[in-house]
PDB file of N, CA and C in Angstrom:
ATOM      1  N   MET A   1     116.551 103.311 110.694  1.00  0.00           N
ATOM      2  CA  MET A   1     114.930 103.104 109.736  1.00  0.00           C
ATOM      3  C   MET A   1     115.913 101.878 109.716  1.00  0.00           C
ATOM      4  N   ASP A   2     114.939 101.284 108.636  1.00  0.00           N
ATOM      5  CA  ASP A   2     115.423 100.132 107.643  1.00  0.00           C
ATOM      6  C   ASP A   2     116.407 100.541 106.830  1.00  0.00           C
ATOM      7  N   ARG A   3     116.433  99.378 105.725  1.00  0.00           N
ATOM      8  CA  ARG A   3     117.510  98.715 105.165  1.00  0.00           C
ATOM      9  C   ARG A   3     116.922  99.933 103.287  1.00  0.00           C
ATOM     10  N   ASN A   4     115.439  99.883 103.054  1.00  0.00           N
ATOM     11  CA  ASN A   4     115.220 100.226 102.226  1.00  0.00           C
ATOM     12  C   ASN A   4     114.861 101.633 102.653  1.00  0.00           C
ATOM     13  N   THR A   5     114.062 102.623 103.956  1.00  0.00           N
ATOM     14  CA  THR A   5     114.695 104.124 104.592  1.00  0.00           C
ATOM     15  C   THR A   5     115.779 104.777 103.390  1.00  0.00           C
ATOM     16  N   ASP A   6     117.124 103.850 104.123  1.00  0.00           N
ATOM     17  CA  ASP A   6     118.409 104.236 103.890  1.00  0.00           C
ATOM     18  C   ASP A   6     118.558 104.595 103.013  1.00  0.00           C
ATOM     19  N   LEU A   7     117.648 103.114 101.623  1.00  0.00           N
ATOM     20  CA  LEU A   7     118.749 102.810 100.597  1.00  0.00           C
ATOM     21  C   LEU A   7     117.916 104.476 100.007  1.00  0.00           C
ATOM     22  N   LEU A   8     116.850 103.829 100.199  1.00  0.00           N
ATOM     23  CA  LEU A   8     116.072 105.899  99.938  1.00  0.00           C
ATOM     24  C   LEU A   8     116.991 107.215  99.763  1.00  0.00           C
ATOM     25  N   THR A   9     117.137 106.992 101.287  1.00  0.00           N
ATOM     26  CA  THR A   9     117.996 108.460 101.897  1.00  0.00           C
ATOM     27  C   THR A   9     119.110 108.672 100.411  1.00  0.00           C
ATOM     28  N   VAL A  10     120.113 106.894  99.803  1.00  0.00           N
ATOM     29  CA  VAL A  10     121.080 107.953  99.787  1.00  0.00           C
ATOM     30  C   VAL A  10     120.676 107.857  98.051  1.00  0.00           C
ATOM     31  N   ILE A  11     119.694 106.819  97.349  1.00  0.00           N
ATOM     32  CA  ILE A  11     119.188 107.214  96.350  1.00  0.00           C
ATOM     33  C   ILE A  11     119.382 108.859  96.046  1.00  0.00           C
ATOM     34  N   PHE A  12     118.326 109.762  97.184  1.00  0.00           N
ATOM     35  CA  PHE A  12     117.726 110.882  96.981  1.00  0.00           C
ATOM     36  C   PHE A  12     119.195 112.212  97.105  1.00  0.00           C
ATOM     37  N   THR A  13     120.215 111.528  97.506  1.00  0.00           N
ATOM     38  CA  THR A  13     121.689 112.467  98.122  1.00  0.00           C
ATOM     39  C   THR A  13     122.394 112.739  97.311  1.00  0.00           C
ATOM     40  N   VAL A  14     122.576 111.397  96.359  1.00  0.00           N
ATOM     41  CA  VAL A  14     123.002 110.995  95.280  1.00  0.00           C
ATOM     42  C   VAL A  14     122.548 111.858  94.129  1.00  0.00           C
ATOM     43  N   LEU A  15     121.166 112.059  93.735  1.00  0.00           N
ATOM     44  CA  LEU A  15     120.691 112.323  93.643  1.00  0.00           C
ATOM     45  C   LEU A  15     120.596 114.002  93.183  1.00  0.00           C
ATOM     46  N   ALA A  16     120.241 114.038  93.922  1.00  0.00           N
ATOM     47  CA  ALA A  16     121.189 115.413  94.638  1.00  0.00           C
ATOM     48  C   ALA A  16     121.488 116.500  94.192  1.00  0.00           C
ATOM     49  N   LEU A  17     122.874 115.174  94.600  1.00  0.00           N
ATOM     50  CA  LEU A  17     124.217 115.664  94.089  1.00  0.00           C
ATOM     51  C   LEU A  17     124.624 115.880  92.895  1.00  0.00           C
ATOM     52  N   VAL A  18     123.791 115.236  91.599  1.00  0.00           N
ATOM     53  CA  VAL A  18     124.371 115.008  90.535  1.00  0.00           C
ATOM     54  C   VAL A  18     123.444 116.807  89.649  1.00  0.00           C
ATOM     55  N   ILE A  19     122.312 116.473  90.039  1.00  0.00           N
ATOM     56  CA  ILE A  19     121.406 118.421  89.346  1.00  0.00           C
ATOM     57  C   ILE A  19     122.578 118.990  90.515  1.00  0.00           C
ATOM     58  N   VAL A  20     123.066 119.113  91.512  1.00  0.00           N
ATOM     59  CA  VAL A  20     123.145 119.967  91.392  1.00  0.00           C
ATOM     60  C   VAL A  20     124.685 120.434  90.540  1.00  0.00           C
ATOM     61  N   GLY A  21     125.560 119.009  90.813  1.00  0.00           N
ATOM     62  CA  GLY A  21     127.138 119.209  89.638  1.00  0.00           C
ATOM     63  C   GLY A  21     125.979 119.764  88.512  1.00  0.00           C
ATOM     64  N   VAL A  22     125.141 118.989  87.730  1.00  0.00           N
ATOM     65  CA  VAL A  22     124.678 120.220  86.214  1.00  0.00           C
ATOM     66  C   VAL A  22     124.287 121.103  86.543  1.00  0.00           C
ATOM     67  N   PHE A  23     123.948 122.365  87.153  1.00  0.00           N
ATOM     68  CA  PHE A  23     123.869 123.358  87.941  1.00  0.00           C
ATOM     69  C   PHE A  23     124.225 123.993  87.898  1.00  0.00           C
ATOM     70  N   LEU A  24     125.505 123.380  88.405  1.00  0.00           N
ATOM     71  CA  LEU A  24     126.973 124.557  88.497  1.00  0.00           C
ATOM     72  C   LEU A  24     127.879 124.218  87.555  1.00  0.00           C
ATOM     73  N   TYR A  25     127.970 123.360  86.559  1.00  0.00           N
ATOM     74  CA  TYR A  25     128.200 123.261  85.416  1.00  0.00           C
ATOM     75  C   TYR A  25     127.995 123.981  84.703  1.00  0.00           C
ATOM     76  N   ARG A  26     126.435 124.360  84.707  1.00  0.00           N
ATOM     77  CA  ARG A  26     126.176 125.178  83.576  1.00  0.00           C
ATOM     78  C   ARG A  26     125.906 126.632  83.819  1.00  0.00           C
ATOM     79  N   ILE A  27     126.401 126.507  84.732  1.00  0.00           N
ATOM     80  CA  ILE A  27     126.640 127.815  85.118  1.00  0.00           C
ATOM     81  C   ILE A  27     127.728 128.245  85.377  1.00  0.00           C
ATOM     82  N   ARG A  28     128.852 127.893  85.200  1.00  0.00           N
ATOM     83  CA  ARG A  28     130.005 127.733  84.957  1.00  0.00           C
ATOM     84  C   ARG A  28     130.286 128.016  83.124  1.00  0.00           C
ATOM     85  N   ASN A  29     129.778 127.403  82.802  1.00  0.00           N
ATOM     86  CA  ASN A  29     130.070 127.891  80.995  1.00  0.00           C
ATOM     87  C   ASN A  29     128.969 128.289  80.585  1.00  0.00           C
ATOM     88  N   GLY A  30     128.452 129.116  81.577  1.00  0.00           N
ATOM     89  CA  GLY A  30     127.510 129.951  81.058  1.00  0.00           C
ATOM     90  C   GLY A  30     126.467 130.049  79.351  1.00  0.00           C
ATOM     91  N   THR A  31     126.099 128.578  80.666  1.00  0.00           N
ATOM     92  CA  THR A  31     124.967 127.946  79.053  1.00  0.00           C
ATOM     93  C   THR A  31     123.529 127.414  80.235  1.00  0.00           C
ATOM     94  N   PHE A  32     122.930 127.658  81.572  1.00  0.00           N
ATOM     95  CA  PHE A  32     122.329 128.246  82.588  1.00  0.00           C
ATOM     96  C   PHE A  32     121.300 128.687  81.690  1.00  0.00           C
ATOM     97  N   LYS A  33     121.232 130.413  81.354  1.00  0.00           N
ATOM     98  CA  LYS A  33     120.029 130.405  80.812  1.00  0.00           C
ATOM     99  C   LYS A  33     119.197 129.306  79.653  1.00  0.00           C
ATOM    100  N   LYS A  34     120.236 129.448  78.324  1.00  0.00           N
ATOM    101  CA  LYS A  34     119.886 128.430  77.958  1.00  0.00           C
ATOM    102  C   LYS A  34     118.675 128.169  78.034  1.00  0.00           C
ATOM    103  N   HIS A  35     119.306 126.670  79.250  1.00  0.00           N
ATOM    104  CA  HIS A  35     118.328 125.969  79.273  1.00  0.00           C
ATOM    105  C   HIS A  35     118.307 125.917  80.457  1.00  0.00           C
ATOM    106  N   LEU A  36     116.990 126.785  80.670  1.00  0.00           N
ATOM    107  CA  LEU A  36     115.913 127.180  81.824  1.00  0.00           C
ATOM    108  C   LEU A  36     115.360 126.737  81.935  1.00  0.00           C
ATOM    109  N   MET A  37     114.812 126.099  80.733  1.00  0.00           N
ATOM    110  CA  MET A  37     113.558 125.626  81.335  1.00  0.00           C
ATOM    111  C   MET A  37     113.099 123.891  82.092  1.00  0.00           C
ATOM    112  N   ALA A  38     114.622 123.543  80.937  1.00  0.00           N
ATOM    113  CA  ALA A  38     115.019 122.635  81.929  1.00  0.00           C
ATOM    114  C   ALA A  38     115.601 121.810  83.155  1.00  0.00           C
ATOM    115  N   GLU A  39     115.998 123.066  83.820  1.00  0.00           N
ATOM    116  CA  GLU A  39     116.697 122.856  84.706  1.00  0.00           C
ATOM    117  C   GLU A  39     115.263 123.869  85.649  1.00  0.00           C
ATOM    118  N   ALA A  40     114.463 124.389  85.078  1.00  0.00           N
ATOM    119  CA  ALA A  40     113.393 124.531  85.776  1.00  0.00           C
ATOM    120  C   ALA A  40     112.518 122.558  86.611  1.00  0.00           C
ATOM    121  N   ALA A  41     112.465 122.068  84.755  1.00  0.00           N
ATOM    122  CA  ALA A  41     111.904 120.940  84.917  1.00  0.00           C
ATOM    123  C   ALA A  41     112.587 119.952  86.046  1.00  0.00           C
ATOM    124  N   ILE A  42     113.844 120.607  85.497  1.00  0.00           N
ATOM    125  CA  ILE A  42     114.231 119.582  86.739  1.00  0.00           C
ATOM    126  C   ILE A  42     113.800 119.466  88.238  1.00  0.00           C
ATOM    127  N   VAL A  43     114.211 120.576  89.093  1.00  0.00           N
ATOM    128  CA  VAL A  43     113.536 121.568  89.363  1.00  0.00           C
ATOM    129  C   VAL A  43     111.856 121.278  90.559  1.00  0.00           C
ATOM    130  N   VAL A  44     111.202 121.097  89.989  1.00  0.00           N
ATOM    131  CA  VAL A  44     109.808 120.968  90.002  1.00  0.00           C
ATOM    132  C   VAL A  44     109.772 119.240  90.148  1.00  0.00           C
ATOM    133  N   SER A  45     110.289 118.980  89.303  1.00  0.00           N
ATOM    134  CA  SER A  45     110.197 117.483  89.082  1.00  0.00           C
ATOM    135  C   SER A  45     110.606 116.245  90.550  1.00  0.00           C
ATOM    136  N   TYR A  46     111.711 117.648  91.290  1.00  0.00           N
ATOM    137  CA  TYR A  46     112.666 116.749  92.148  1.00  0.00           C
ATOM    138  C   TYR A  46     111.927 117.069  93.790  1.00  0.00           C
ATOM    139  N   ILE A  47     111.075 117.994  93.567  1.00  0.00           N
ATOM    140  CA  ILE A  47     109.927 118.575  94.540  1.00  0.00           C
ATOM    141  C   ILE A  47     108.965 117.759  94.327  1.00  0.00           C
ATOM    142  N   VAL A  48     108.484 117.440  93.299  1.00  0.00           N
ATOM    143  CA  VAL A  48     107.298 116.033  93.327  1.00  0.00           C
ATOM    144  C   VAL A  48     107.529 114.806  93.660  1.00  0.00           C
ATOM    145  N   VAL A  49     109.338 114.348  93.970  1.00  0.00           N
ATOM    146  CA  VAL A  49     109.365 112.441  94.066  1.00  0.00           C
ATOM    147  C   VAL A  49     109.693 112.812  95.185  1.00  0.00           C
ATOM    148  N   SER A  50     110.180 114.215  95.836  1.00  0.00           N
ATOM    149  CA  SER A  50     110.726 114.225  97.769  1.00  0.00           C
ATOM    150  C   SER A  50     109.504 114.025  98.656  1.00  0.00           C
ATOM    151  N   GLY A  51     108.469 114.641  97.737  1.00  0.00           N
ATOM    152  CA  GLY A  51     107.499 114.969  98.251  1.00  0.00           C
ATOM    153  C   GLY A  51     106.913 113.175  98.731  1.00  0.00           C
ATOM    154  N   ALA A  52     106.900 112.811  97.732  1.00  0.00           N
ATOM    155  CA  ALA A  52     106.565 111.437  97.570  1.00  0.00           C
ATOM    156  C   ALA A  52     107.183 110.302  98.440  1.00  0.00           C
ATOM    157  N   ALA A  53     108.446 110.721  98.914  1.00  0.00           N
ATOM    158  CA  ALA A  53     109.326 110.071  99.776  1.00  0.00           C
ATOM    159  C   ALA A  53     108.704 110.029 101.100  1.00  0.00           C
ATOM    160  N   SER A  54     107.977 109.830 101.864  1.00  0.00           N
ATOM    161  CA  SER A  54     107.689 110.338 103.092  1.00  0.00           C
ATOM    162  C   SER A  54     108.647 109.307 104.295  1.00  0.00           C
ATOM    163  N   ASP A  55     109.113 108.223 103.256  1.00  0.00           N
ATOM    164  CA  ASP A  55     109.716 107.965 104.724  1.00  0.00           C
ATOM    165  C   ASP A  55     111.671 108.268 104.978  1.00  0.00           C
ATOM    166  N   MET A  56     111.341 109.177 103.987  1.00  0.00           N
ATOM    167  CA  MET A  56     113.151 109.526 104.630  1.00  0.00           C
ATOM    168  C   MET A  56     112.663 110.772 105.470  1.00  0.00           C
ATOM    169  N   ALA A  57     113.699 111.005 106.254  1.00  0.00           N
ATOM    170  CA  ALA A  57     113.373 112.116 107.445  1.00  0.00           C
ATOM    171  C   ALA A  57     112.998 113.771 107.362  1.00  0.00           C
ATOM    172  N   PHE A  58     112.119 114.449 106.941  1.00  0.00           N
ATOM    173  CA  PHE A  58     111.912 115.979 106.305  1.00  0.00           C
ATOM    174  C   PHE A  58     112.457 116.527 106.703  1.00  0.00           C
ATOM    175  N   LEU A  59     113.514 116.690 107.982  1.00  0.00           N
ATOM    176  CA  LEU A  59     114.447 117.963 107.508  1.00  0.00           C
ATOM    177  C   LEU A  59     115.630 117.820 106.669  1.00  0.00           C
ATOM    178  N   LEU A  60     115.416 116.523 106.662  1.00  0.00           N
ATOM    179  CA  LEU A  60     116.845 116.409 104.940  1.00  0.00           C
ATOM    180  C   LEU A  60     116.254 116.350 104.146  1.00  0.00           C
ATOM    181  N   ARG A  61     114.777 115.932 103.931  1.00  0.00           N
ATOM    182  CA  ARG A  61     114.305 116.135 102.419  1.00  0.00           C
ATOM    183  C   ARG A  61     114.160 117.713 102.211  1.00  0.00           C
ATOM    184  N   LEU A  62     113.844 118.551 103.033  1.00  0.00           N
ATOM    185  CA  LEU A  62     113.422 120.179 103.259  1.00  0.00           C
ATOM    186  C   LEU A  62     114.867 120.596 102.703  1.00  0.00           C
ATOM    187  N   ALA A  63     116.531 119.498 103.527  1.00  0.00           N
ATOM    188  CA  ALA A  63     117.685 120.589 103.602  1.00  0.00           C
ATOM    189  C   ALA A  63     118.368 120.513 102.025  1.00  0.00           C
ATOM    190  N   ILE A  64     117.649 119.093 101.382  1.00  0.00           N
ATOM    191  CA  ILE A  64     117.711 118.349 100.044  1.00  0.00           C
ATOM    192  C   ILE A  64     117.372 120.017  98.768  1.00  0.00           C
ATOM    193  N   THR A  65     116.319 120.081  98.951  1.00  0.00           N
ATOM    194  CA  THR A  65     115.402 120.302  98.528  1.00  0.00           C
ATOM    195  C   THR A  65     116.097 121.676  98.202  1.00  0.00           C
ATOM    196  N   LEU A  66     116.060 122.101  99.474  1.00  0.00           N
ATOM    197  CA  LEU A  66     116.147 123.736  99.441  1.00  0.00           C
ATOM    198  C   LEU A  66     117.569 123.532  98.814  1.00  0.00           C
ATOM    199  N   SER A  67     118.501 123.243  99.114  1.00  0.00           N
ATOM    200  CA  SER A  67     119.595 123.234  98.688  1.00  0.00           C
ATOM    201  C   SER A  67     119.735 122.977  96.335  1.00  0.00           C
ATOM    202  N   ILE A  68     119.112 122.939  96.235  1.00  0.00           N
ATOM    203  CA  ILE A  68     118.685 122.235  94.687  1.00  0.00           C
ATOM    204  C   ILE A  68     117.450 123.930  94.104  1.00  0.00           C
ATOM    205  N   ALA A  69     117.215 124.152  95.130  1.00  0.00           N
ATOM    206  CA  ALA A  69     116.064 125.117  94.226  1.00  0.00           C
ATOM    207  C   ALA A  69     117.172 126.889  94.906  1.00  0.00           C
ATOM    208  N   GLY A  70     118.387 126.746  95.080  1.00  0.00           N
ATOM    209  CA  GLY A  70     118.585 127.487  96.077  1.00  0.00           C
ATOM    210  C   GLY A  70     119.966 128.017  94.684  1.00  0.00           C
ATOM    211  N   VAL A  71     120.448 126.720  94.880  1.00  0.00           N
ATOM    212  CA  VAL A  71     122.043 126.492  92.825  1.00  0.00           C
ATOM    213  C   VAL A  71     120.824 126.885  91.571  1.00  0.00           C
ATOM    214  N   PHE A  72     119.544 126.888  92.085  1.00  0.00           N
ATOM    215  CA  PHE A  72     119.125 126.325  90.926  1.00  0.00           C
ATOM    216  C   PHE A  72     118.765 128.445  90.395  1.00  0.00           C
ATOM    217  N   VAL A  73     118.249 129.012  91.434  1.00  0.00           N
ATOM    218  CA  VAL A  73     117.903 130.440  91.671  1.00  0.00           C
ATOM    219  C   VAL A  73     118.989 131.100  91.706  1.00  0.00           C
ATOM    220  N   TYR A  74     120.469 130.992  92.546  1.00  0.00           N
ATOM    221  CA  TYR A  74     121.535 131.328  91.796  1.00  0.00           C
ATOM    222  C   TYR A  74     121.882 131.599  90.303  1.00  0.00           C
ATOM    223  N   GLY A  75     121.689 130.471  90.153  1.00  0.00           N
ATOM    224  CA  GLY A  75     121.940 130.311  88.068  1.00  0.00           C
ATOM    225  C   GLY A  75     121.178 130.919  88.035  1.00  0.00           C
ATOM    226  N   ARG A  76     119.921 131.454  87.858  1.00  0.00           N
ATOM    227  CA  ARG A  76     119.364 132.550  87.082  1.00  0.00           C
ATOM    228  C   ARG A  76     120.361 133.887  87.589  1.00  0.00           C
ATOM    229  N   MET A  77     120.299 134.120  88.655  1.00  0.00           N
ATOM    230  CA  MET A  77     120.779 135.487  89.134  1.00  0.00           C
ATOM    231  C   MET A  77     122.200 135.752  87.807  1.00  0.00           C
ATOM    232  N   LYS A  78     123.136 134.876  88.389  1.00  0.00           N
ATOM    233  CA  LYS A  78     123.886 134.332  87.424  1.00  0.00           C
ATOM    234  C   LYS A  78     123.975 134.499  86.090  1.00  0.00           C
ATOM    235  N   SER A  79     123.577 134.382  85.762  1.00  0.00           N
ATOM    236  CA  SER A  79     122.884 134.173  83.736  1.00  0.00           C
ATOM    237  C   SER A  79     122.834 135.112  83.360  1.00  0.00           C
ATOM    238  N   ASP A  80     122.275 136.122  84.360  1.00  0.00           N
ATOM    239  CA  ASP A  80     121.416 137.473  83.893  1.00  0.00           C
ATOM    240  C   ASP A  80     122.218 138.550  82.683  1.00  0.00           C
TER     241      ASP A  80
END
């Protein structure tokens, strides 16, 4: 892996951690359902952008994307 790929991996991982942190914060405060469309837009945009990052390892992109989607689904179930 070259330096650009490593930097891209770090950026996507940090972005995923921030997204998961925001989701968990909103789930804990009970405001996830109120901002449901915003969370859906975040998930969709992250998936589209991660698809464009073809230099990253596929399994890493898949694992990060599935973790974000999993927290989103958990938030939807928990807020009902």
